[in-house]
Amino acid sequence: MPHLRFRGVSRDTVKHISKTLVDTLAPMTDSPKDDFTLEFIPAEFVQLGQVVAGFPLVEVLWFERPLEVQDRVAAAITEALRARLGEEADITVVFTRLEGRNYYENGRHF
């Protein structure tokens, strides 16, 4: 935990940024590197009946942290993707707060 889900970017982009991004985020979030999960989710975006290019969307599922930490994590993810995709990329980062009582690992909640 945290779990990052990437849509609207290529598998190669996620692979390319994965190590450096986790190296950056681990101390920010006070999480061990091996607790991170990065997931590439192929996606098609549809608008008004047409398949469109879409945009980079990163969903972060995690246990709540202070807003200043969340702000730094969002900035780091955005920066990592912009370095690969270009400054003009419109990148969305969405945080979903998980509660320990609803998160089970090996049959036990946190």
N, C-alpha and C. Protein backbone atom coordinates (compact mmCIF):
# COMPACT_ATOMS: atom_id res chain seq x y z
N MET A 1 0.86 -1.15 0.00
CA MET A 1 0.00 0.00 0.00
C MET A 1 0.91 1.22 0.00
N PRO A 2 0.82 2.17 -0.78
CA PRO A 2 -0.22 2.62 -1.67
C PRO A 2 -0.29 1.83 -2.99
N HIS A 3 -1.45 1.93 -3.62
CA HIS A 3 -1.71 1.25 -4.88
C HIS A 3 -1.99 2.33 -5.92
N LEU A 4 -1.20 2.37 -6.99
CA LEU A 4 -1.37 3.36 -8.06
C LEU A 4 -1.85 2.66 -9.31
N ARG A 5 -2.97 3.12 -9.84
CA ARG A 5 -3.56 2.57 -11.07
C ARG A 5 -3.41 3.61 -12.18
N PHE A 6 -2.76 3.21 -13.26
CA PHE A 6 -2.48 4.11 -14.38
C PHE A 6 -3.38 3.78 -15.56
N ARG A 7 -4.07 4.79 -16.07
CA ARG A 7 -4.89 4.68 -17.28
C ARG A 7 -4.49 5.81 -18.22
N GLY A 8 -4.68 5.58 -19.51
CA GLY A 8 -4.42 6.65 -20.48
C GLY A 8 -2.94 6.88 -20.73
N VAL A 9 -2.09 5.95 -20.30
CA VAL A 9 -0.66 5.98 -20.61
C VAL A 9 -0.25 4.58 -21.05
N SER A 10 0.86 4.48 -21.70
CA SER A 10 1.30 3.18 -22.18
C SER A 10 1.94 2.35 -21.07
N ARG A 11 1.96 1.07 -21.28
CA ARG A 11 2.65 0.15 -20.36
C ARG A 11 4.11 0.55 -20.23
N ASP A 12 4.74 0.91 -21.37
CA ASP A 12 6.15 1.31 -21.35
C ASP A 12 6.37 2.55 -20.49
N THR A 13 5.44 3.48 -20.51
CA THR A 13 5.56 4.67 -19.67
C THR A 13 5.52 4.29 -18.20
N VAL A 14 4.59 3.44 -17.81
CA VAL A 14 4.50 3.01 -16.41
C VAL A 14 5.78 2.28 -16.01
N LYS A 15 6.26 1.39 -16.87
CA LYS A 15 7.51 0.68 -16.57
C LYS A 15 8.67 1.65 -16.43
N HIS A 16 8.74 2.62 -17.33
CA HIS A 16 9.85 3.57 -17.34
C HIS A 16 9.91 4.41 -16.07
N ILE A 17 8.77 4.86 -15.57
CA ILE A 17 8.77 5.74 -14.40
C ILE A 17 8.69 4.99 -13.08
N SER A 18 8.42 3.69 -13.11
CA SER A 18 8.08 2.94 -11.89
C SER A 18 9.15 3.00 -10.80
N LYS A 19 10.39 2.73 -11.12
CA LYS A 19 11.43 2.68 -10.08
C LYS A 19 11.68 4.05 -9.47
N THR A 20 11.91 5.03 -10.32
CA THR A 20 12.20 6.38 -9.83
C THR A 20 11.02 6.94 -9.05
N LEU A 21 9.80 6.68 -9.54
CA LEU A 21 8.61 7.20 -8.86
C LEU A 21 8.47 6.59 -7.47
N VAL A 22 8.63 5.29 -7.36
CA VAL A 22 8.54 4.64 -6.04
C VAL A 22 9.68 5.11 -5.14
N ASP A 23 10.87 5.28 -5.70
CA ASP A 23 11.99 5.81 -4.91
C ASP A 23 11.65 7.20 -4.34
N THR A 24 10.93 7.99 -5.11
CA THR A 24 10.53 9.34 -4.68
C THR A 24 9.39 9.29 -3.67
N LEU A 25 8.39 8.43 -3.93
CA LEU A 25 7.19 8.42 -3.09
C LEU A 25 7.39 7.71 -1.75
N ALA A 26 8.26 6.73 -1.69
CA ALA A 26 8.42 5.96 -0.44
C ALA A 26 8.74 6.84 0.77
N PRO A 27 9.75 7.71 0.70
CA PRO A 27 10.00 8.55 1.88
C PRO A 27 8.90 9.59 2.12
N MET A 28 8.27 10.06 1.06
CA MET A 28 7.18 11.03 1.21
C MET A 28 6.02 10.46 2.01
N THR A 29 5.74 9.19 1.76
CA THR A 29 4.57 8.55 2.36
C THR A 29 4.92 7.71 3.58
N ASP A 30 6.20 7.64 3.89
CA ASP A 30 6.68 6.82 5.01
C ASP A 30 6.27 5.36 4.82
N SER A 31 6.44 4.88 3.58
CA SER A 31 6.08 3.50 3.22
C SER A 31 7.29 2.79 2.63
N PRO A 32 7.49 1.53 2.96
CA PRO A 32 8.56 0.77 2.31
C PRO A 32 8.30 0.64 0.81
N LYS A 33 9.36 0.63 0.02
CA LYS A 33 9.22 0.54 -1.44
C LYS A 33 8.44 -0.69 -1.86
N ASP A 34 8.63 -1.81 -1.17
CA ASP A 34 7.95 -3.03 -1.59
C ASP A 34 6.48 -3.06 -1.20
N ASP A 35 6.00 -2.03 -0.52
CA ASP A 35 4.56 -1.92 -0.22
C ASP A 35 3.78 -1.26 -1.35
N PHE A 36 4.47 -0.70 -2.35
CA PHE A 36 3.81 -0.03 -3.46
C PHE A 36 3.38 -1.05 -4.52
N THR A 37 2.20 -0.81 -5.07
CA THR A 37 1.73 -1.57 -6.22
C THR A 37 1.43 -0.57 -7.32
N LEU A 38 2.03 -0.77 -8.49
CA LEU A 38 1.73 0.05 -9.65
C LEU A 38 1.02 -0.86 -10.66
N GLU A 39 -0.13 -0.43 -11.10
CA GLU A 39 -0.95 -1.23 -11.99
C GLU A 39 -1.20 -0.48 -13.29
N PHE A 40 -0.91 -1.13 -14.40
CA PHE A 40 -1.19 -0.58 -15.71
C PHE A 40 -2.55 -1.11 -16.15
N ILE A 41 -3.49 -0.21 -16.44
CA ILE A 41 -4.83 -0.62 -16.87
C ILE A 41 -5.07 -0.05 -18.27
N PRO A 42 -5.09 -0.92 -19.29
CA PRO A 42 -5.39 -0.43 -20.63
C PRO A 42 -6.80 0.15 -20.65
N ALA A 43 -6.97 1.27 -21.30
CA ALA A 43 -8.28 1.92 -21.30
C ALA A 43 -8.54 2.58 -22.65
N GLU A 44 -9.80 2.58 -23.04
CA GLU A 44 -10.24 3.35 -24.19
C GLU A 44 -11.18 4.43 -23.67
N PHE A 45 -11.02 5.62 -24.18
CA PHE A 45 -11.86 6.73 -23.79
C PHE A 45 -12.86 7.00 -24.92
N VAL A 46 -14.10 7.21 -24.55
CA VAL A 46 -15.16 7.42 -25.53
C VAL A 46 -15.86 8.74 -25.21
N GLN A 47 -16.08 9.52 -26.25
CA GLN A 47 -16.78 10.79 -26.08
C GLN A 47 -17.70 11.00 -27.28
N LEU A 48 -18.98 11.21 -27.00
CA LEU A 48 -19.97 11.47 -28.05
C LEU A 48 -19.95 10.41 -29.14
N GLY A 49 -19.84 9.15 -28.72
CA GLY A 49 -19.91 8.05 -29.66
C GLY A 49 -18.61 7.75 -30.40
N GLN A 50 -17.55 8.45 -30.06
CA GLN A 50 -16.27 8.26 -30.74
C GLN A 50 -15.18 7.89 -29.75
N VAL A 51 -14.27 7.01 -30.16
CA VAL A 51 -13.09 6.72 -29.35
C VAL A 51 -12.15 7.91 -29.50
N VAL A 52 -11.71 8.44 -28.35
CA VAL A 52 -10.82 9.61 -28.34
C VAL A 52 -9.53 9.25 -27.62
N ALA A 53 -8.54 10.12 -27.75
CA ALA A 53 -7.21 9.85 -27.20
C ALA A 53 -7.23 9.70 -25.68
N GLY A 54 -8.08 10.43 -25.00
CA GLY A 54 -8.09 10.34 -23.55
C GLY A 54 -6.96 11.15 -22.93
N PHE A 55 -6.69 10.86 -21.67
CA PHE A 55 -5.69 11.61 -20.93
C PHE A 55 -5.11 10.73 -19.84
N PRO A 56 -3.92 11.03 -19.38
CA PRO A 56 -3.34 10.27 -18.28
C PRO A 56 -4.15 10.46 -17.00
N LEU A 57 -4.53 9.34 -16.41
CA LEU A 57 -5.30 9.34 -15.18
C LEU A 57 -4.65 8.36 -14.21
N VAL A 58 -4.29 8.84 -13.04
CA VAL A 58 -3.68 8.00 -12.02
C VAL A 58 -4.59 8.03 -10.80
N GLU A 59 -5.02 6.85 -10.39
CA GLU A 59 -5.82 6.71 -9.20
C GLU A 59 -4.91 6.16 -8.10
N VAL A 60 -4.89 6.84 -6.98
CA VAL A 60 -4.07 6.42 -5.84
C VAL A 60 -5.01 5.93 -4.74
N LEU A 61 -4.90 4.66 -4.42
CA LEU A 61 -5.67 4.09 -3.31
C LEU A 61 -4.71 3.96 -2.14
N TRP A 62 -5.08 4.53 -0.99
CA TRP A 62 -4.18 4.50 0.15
C TRP A 62 -4.90 4.81 1.43
N PHE A 63 -4.20 4.56 2.54
CA PHE A 63 -4.70 5.00 3.83
C PHE A 63 -4.43 6.49 3.92
N GLU A 64 -5.37 7.23 4.46
CA GLU A 64 -5.30 8.69 4.48
C GLU A 64 -4.01 9.20 5.08
N ARG A 65 -3.51 10.26 4.45
CA ARG A 65 -2.34 10.98 4.93
C ARG A 65 -2.68 12.46 4.93
N PRO A 66 -1.87 13.28 5.60
CA PRO A 66 -2.15 14.72 5.62
C PRO A 66 -2.19 15.32 4.21
N LEU A 67 -2.97 16.38 4.07
CA LEU A 67 -3.15 17.02 2.76
C LEU A 67 -1.82 17.45 2.15
N GLU A 68 -0.88 17.92 2.96
CA GLU A 68 0.41 18.36 2.40
C GLU A 68 1.18 17.17 1.80
N VAL A 69 1.03 15.99 2.38
CA VAL A 69 1.65 14.80 1.81
C VAL A 69 0.94 14.44 0.50
N GLN A 70 -0.36 14.48 0.51
CA GLN A 70 -1.14 14.20 -0.70
C GLN A 70 -0.76 15.16 -1.82
N ASP A 71 -0.61 16.44 -1.49
CA ASP A 71 -0.21 17.44 -2.49
C ASP A 71 1.16 17.11 -3.09
N ARG A 72 2.11 16.70 -2.25
CA ARG A 72 3.46 16.37 -2.73
C ARG A 72 3.44 15.11 -3.59
N VAL A 73 2.64 14.13 -3.20
CA VAL A 73 2.53 12.90 -3.99
C VAL A 73 1.91 13.20 -5.35
N ALA A 74 0.85 13.98 -5.39
CA ALA A 74 0.23 14.36 -6.66
C ALA A 74 1.22 15.10 -7.56
N ALA A 75 1.99 16.00 -6.98
CA ALA A 75 2.99 16.75 -7.75
C ALA A 75 4.08 15.82 -8.28
N ALA A 76 4.52 14.86 -7.48
CA ALA A 76 5.57 13.93 -7.90
C ALA A 76 5.09 13.04 -9.04
N ILE A 77 3.86 12.55 -8.94
CA ILE A 77 3.29 11.72 -10.01
C ILE A 77 3.17 12.53 -11.29
N THR A 78 2.64 13.74 -11.17
CA THR A 78 2.48 14.62 -12.33
C THR A 78 3.82 14.91 -12.98
N GLU A 79 4.81 15.24 -12.17
CA GLU A 79 6.15 15.55 -12.67
C GLU A 79 6.77 14.34 -13.39
N ALA A 80 6.62 13.16 -12.81
CA ALA A 80 7.18 11.95 -13.43
C ALA A 80 6.54 11.69 -14.79
N LEU A 81 5.24 11.85 -14.88
CA LEU A 81 4.56 11.64 -16.16
C LEU A 81 4.89 12.73 -17.16
N ARG A 82 4.95 13.97 -16.71
CA ARG A 82 5.28 15.07 -17.64
C ARG A 82 6.68 14.92 -18.21
N ALA A 83 7.61 14.41 -17.41
CA ALA A 83 8.97 14.21 -17.90
C ALA A 83 8.98 13.21 -19.06
N ARG A 84 8.03 12.32 -19.06
CA ARG A 84 7.94 11.29 -20.10
C ARG A 84 7.01 11.71 -21.24
N LEU A 85 5.92 12.41 -20.91
CA LEU A 85 4.88 12.71 -21.89
C LEU A 85 4.93 14.12 -22.45
N GLY A 86 5.67 15.00 -21.79
CA GLY A 86 5.75 16.39 -22.23
C GLY A 86 4.98 17.33 -21.32
N GLU A 87 5.40 18.56 -21.32
CA GLU A 87 4.82 19.57 -20.43
C GLU A 87 3.36 19.87 -20.73
N GLU A 88 2.93 19.63 -21.96
CA GLU A 88 1.55 19.95 -22.34
C GLU A 88 0.55 18.90 -21.88
N ALA A 89 1.02 17.77 -21.37
CA ALA A 89 0.12 16.69 -20.95
C ALA A 89 -0.81 17.16 -19.83
N ASP A 90 -2.08 16.85 -19.97
CA ASP A 90 -3.10 17.17 -18.97
C ASP A 90 -3.27 15.93 -18.09
N ILE A 91 -2.68 15.94 -16.92
CA ILE A 91 -2.59 14.75 -16.07
C ILE A 91 -3.52 14.90 -14.88
N THR A 92 -4.33 13.87 -14.64
CA THR A 92 -5.25 13.86 -13.51
C THR A 92 -4.78 12.82 -12.50
N VAL A 93 -4.75 13.21 -11.22
CA VAL A 93 -4.43 12.30 -10.12
C VAL A 93 -5.61 12.35 -9.16
N VAL A 94 -6.16 11.17 -8.86
CA VAL A 94 -7.33 11.06 -7.98
C VAL A 94 -6.96 10.17 -6.81
N PHE A 95 -7.28 10.62 -5.59
CA PHE A 95 -6.98 9.85 -4.38
C PHE A 95 -8.25 9.22 -3.84
N THR A 96 -8.16 7.95 -3.51
CA THR A 96 -9.24 7.24 -2.86
C THR A 96 -8.73 6.77 -1.51
N ARG A 97 -9.38 7.24 -0.46
CA ARG A 97 -8.97 6.89 0.90
C ARG A 97 -9.54 5.53 1.28
N LEU A 98 -8.68 4.67 1.75
CA LEU A 98 -9.10 3.36 2.25
C LEU A 98 -9.07 3.39 3.77
N GLU A 99 -9.97 2.65 4.37
CA GLU A 99 -10.00 2.54 5.82
C GLU A 99 -9.46 1.17 6.20
N GLY A 100 -8.62 1.12 7.25
CA GLY A 100 -8.02 -0.12 7.68
C GLY A 100 -9.01 -1.22 7.95
N ARG A 101 -10.15 -0.88 8.50
CA ARG A 101 -11.15 -1.90 8.82
C ARG A 101 -11.78 -2.52 7.57
N ASN A 102 -11.62 -1.86 6.43
CA ASN A 102 -12.17 -2.37 5.17
C ASN A 102 -11.10 -2.93 4.24
N TYR A 103 -9.85 -2.96 4.70
CA TYR A 103 -8.74 -3.43 3.87
C TYR A 103 -8.16 -4.68 4.51
N TYR A 104 -8.24 -5.78 3.79
CA TYR A 104 -7.78 -7.07 4.32
C TYR A 104 -6.58 -7.56 3.54
N GLU A 105 -5.61 -8.04 4.26
CA GLU A 105 -4.46 -8.71 3.66
C GLU A 105 -4.32 -10.06 4.35
N ASN A 106 -4.39 -11.10 3.55
CA ASN A 106 -4.33 -12.46 4.08
C ASN A 106 -5.40 -12.71 5.14
N GLY A 107 -6.59 -12.17 4.89
CA GLY A 107 -7.72 -12.42 5.79
C GLY A 107 -7.77 -11.57 7.02
N ARG A 108 -6.85 -10.62 7.17
CA ARG A 108 -6.84 -9.76 8.36
C ARG A 108 -6.91 -8.30 7.94
N HIS A 109 -7.75 -7.56 8.65
CA HIS A 109 -7.84 -6.13 8.34
C HIS A 109 -6.75 -5.37 9.10
N PHE A 110 -6.54 -4.16 8.65
CA PHE A 110 -5.53 -3.29 9.28
C PHE A 110 -6.16 -2.52 10.42
